[in-house]
């Protein structure tokens, strides 16, 4: 344990920030999972709503400095690519099956 008063305060401050950052990251990941689940369901309106929420959460997390802006861009890009590939696969099976 630290001896200096300022060091003790730093430790407390860092712990509060760590927990806040952990919560924000967890929420962001939850929105991403919801968007992927919506994409799997195939409901276009649900997908759009979930994607908007996920992108907003990713942007806010990056804006607050919890993740780097390039990481935010990468996460959004991968999410969009995943959703588009899933929708393309669903359309392909729908047209070939009909």
Protein backbone atom coordinates (compact mmCIF):
# COMPACT_ATOMS: atom_id res chain seq x y z
CA UNK A 1 0.00 0.00 0.00
CA UNK A 2 1.14 3.52 -0.77
CA UNK A 3 2.47 5.77 1.98
CA UNK A 4 1.90 9.21 0.51
CA UNK A 5 -1.52 10.78 0.82
CA UNK A 6 -1.56 11.75 -2.85
CA UNK A 7 -0.66 8.19 -3.88
CA UNK A 8 -3.49 6.80 -1.80
CA UNK A 9 -5.89 9.22 -3.48
CA UNK A 10 -4.50 8.20 -6.90
CA UNK A 11 -5.18 4.55 -6.13
CA UNK A 12 -8.78 5.31 -5.13
CA UNK A 13 -9.30 7.48 -8.21
CA UNK A 14 -7.84 4.84 -10.51
CA UNK A 15 -10.11 2.17 -9.06
CA UNK A 16 -13.21 4.33 -9.59
CA UNK A 17 -12.17 5.01 -13.18
CA UNK A 18 -11.40 1.35 -13.81
CA UNK A 19 -14.87 0.32 -12.67
CA UNK A 20 -16.52 3.07 -14.73
CA UNK A 21 -14.54 2.06 -17.81
CA UNK A 22 -15.34 -1.61 -17.22
CA UNK A 23 -19.04 -0.82 -17.05
CA UNK A 24 -18.96 1.23 -20.26
CA UNK A 25 -17.04 -1.48 -22.12
CA UNK A 26 -19.43 -4.13 -20.91
CA UNK A 27 -22.44 -2.10 -22.06
CA UNK A 28 -20.83 -1.55 -25.46
CA UNK A 29 -20.19 -5.28 -25.87
CA UNK A 30 -23.80 -6.04 -24.87
CA UNK A 31 -25.12 -3.72 -27.59
CA UNK A 32 -22.85 -5.42 -30.13
CA UNK A 33 -24.19 -8.85 -29.09
CA UNK A 34 -27.77 -7.57 -29.39
CA UNK A 35 -27.05 -6.28 -32.89
CA UNK A 36 -25.61 -9.66 -33.91
CA UNK A 37 -28.64 -11.44 -32.46
CA UNK A 38 -30.98 -9.09 -34.35
CA UNK A 39 -29.06 -9.79 -37.55
CA UNK A 40 -29.50 -13.51 -37.01
CA UNK A 41 -33.26 -13.03 -36.59
CA UNK A 42 -33.53 -11.32 -39.98
CA UNK A 43 -35.99 -8.57 -38.94
CA UNK A 44 -34.76 -5.51 -40.85
CA UNK A 45 -36.21 -2.88 -38.51
CA UNK A 46 -34.82 -4.62 -35.45
CA UNK A 47 -31.42 -4.83 -37.15
CA UNK A 48 -31.39 -1.12 -37.96
CA UNK A 49 -32.38 -0.16 -34.42
CA UNK A 50 -29.81 -2.50 -32.84
CA UNK A 51 -27.05 -1.32 -35.20
CA UNK A 52 -27.78 2.32 -34.40
CA UNK A 53 -27.60 1.61 -30.66
CA UNK A 54 -24.39 -0.40 -31.02
CA UNK A 55 -22.67 2.25 -33.15
CA UNK A 56 -23.74 4.96 -30.73
CA UNK A 57 -22.38 2.99 -27.76
CA UNK A 58 -19.09 2.36 -29.58
CA UNK A 59 -18.74 6.04 -30.50
CA UNK A 60 -19.48 7.19 -26.94
CA UNK A 61 -16.94 4.76 -25.53
CA UNK A 62 -14.29 6.08 -27.91
CA UNK A 63 -15.26 9.69 -27.25
CA UNK A 64 -14.72 9.19 -23.53
CA UNK A 65 -11.28 7.73 -24.18
CA UNK A 66 -12.14 4.26 -22.92
CA UNK A 67 -11.21 2.73 -26.26
CA UNK A 68 -9.09 4.21 -29.05
CA UNK A 69 -10.89 5.81 -32.01
CA UNK A 70 -9.29 3.32 -34.39
CA UNK A 71 -10.55 0.45 -32.26
CA UNK A 72 -14.03 1.98 -32.40
CA UNK A 73 -13.83 2.22 -36.18
CA UNK A 74 -12.62 -1.37 -36.41
CA UNK A 75 -15.42 -2.66 -34.16
CA UNK A 76 -18.07 -0.82 -36.18
CA UNK A 77 -16.59 -2.02 -39.45
CA UNK A 78 -16.52 -5.65 -38.33
CA UNK A 79 -20.06 -5.42 -37.01
CA UNK A 80 -21.37 -3.94 -40.26
CA UNK A 81 -19.51 -6.54 -42.31
CA UNK A 82 -20.92 -9.36 -40.14
CA UNK A 83 -24.48 -8.07 -40.46
CA UNK A 84 -24.22 -7.51 -44.22
CA UNK A 85 -22.78 -10.98 -44.80
CA UNK A 86 -25.53 -12.56 -42.73
CA UNK A 87 -28.24 -10.65 -44.60
CA UNK A 88 -26.70 -11.54 -47.96
CA UNK A 89 -26.63 -15.22 -46.96
CA UNK A 90 -30.28 -15.06 -45.89
CA UNK A 91 -31.30 -13.40 -49.17
CA UNK A 92 -29.32 -15.93 -51.16
CA UNK A 93 -31.01 -18.88 -49.44
CA UNK A 94 -34.42 -17.21 -49.82
CA UNK A 95 -34.00 -16.69 -53.57
CA UNK A 96 -32.47 -20.09 -54.25
CA UNK A 97 -35.05 -21.88 -52.12
CA UNK A 98 -38.06 -20.20 -53.78
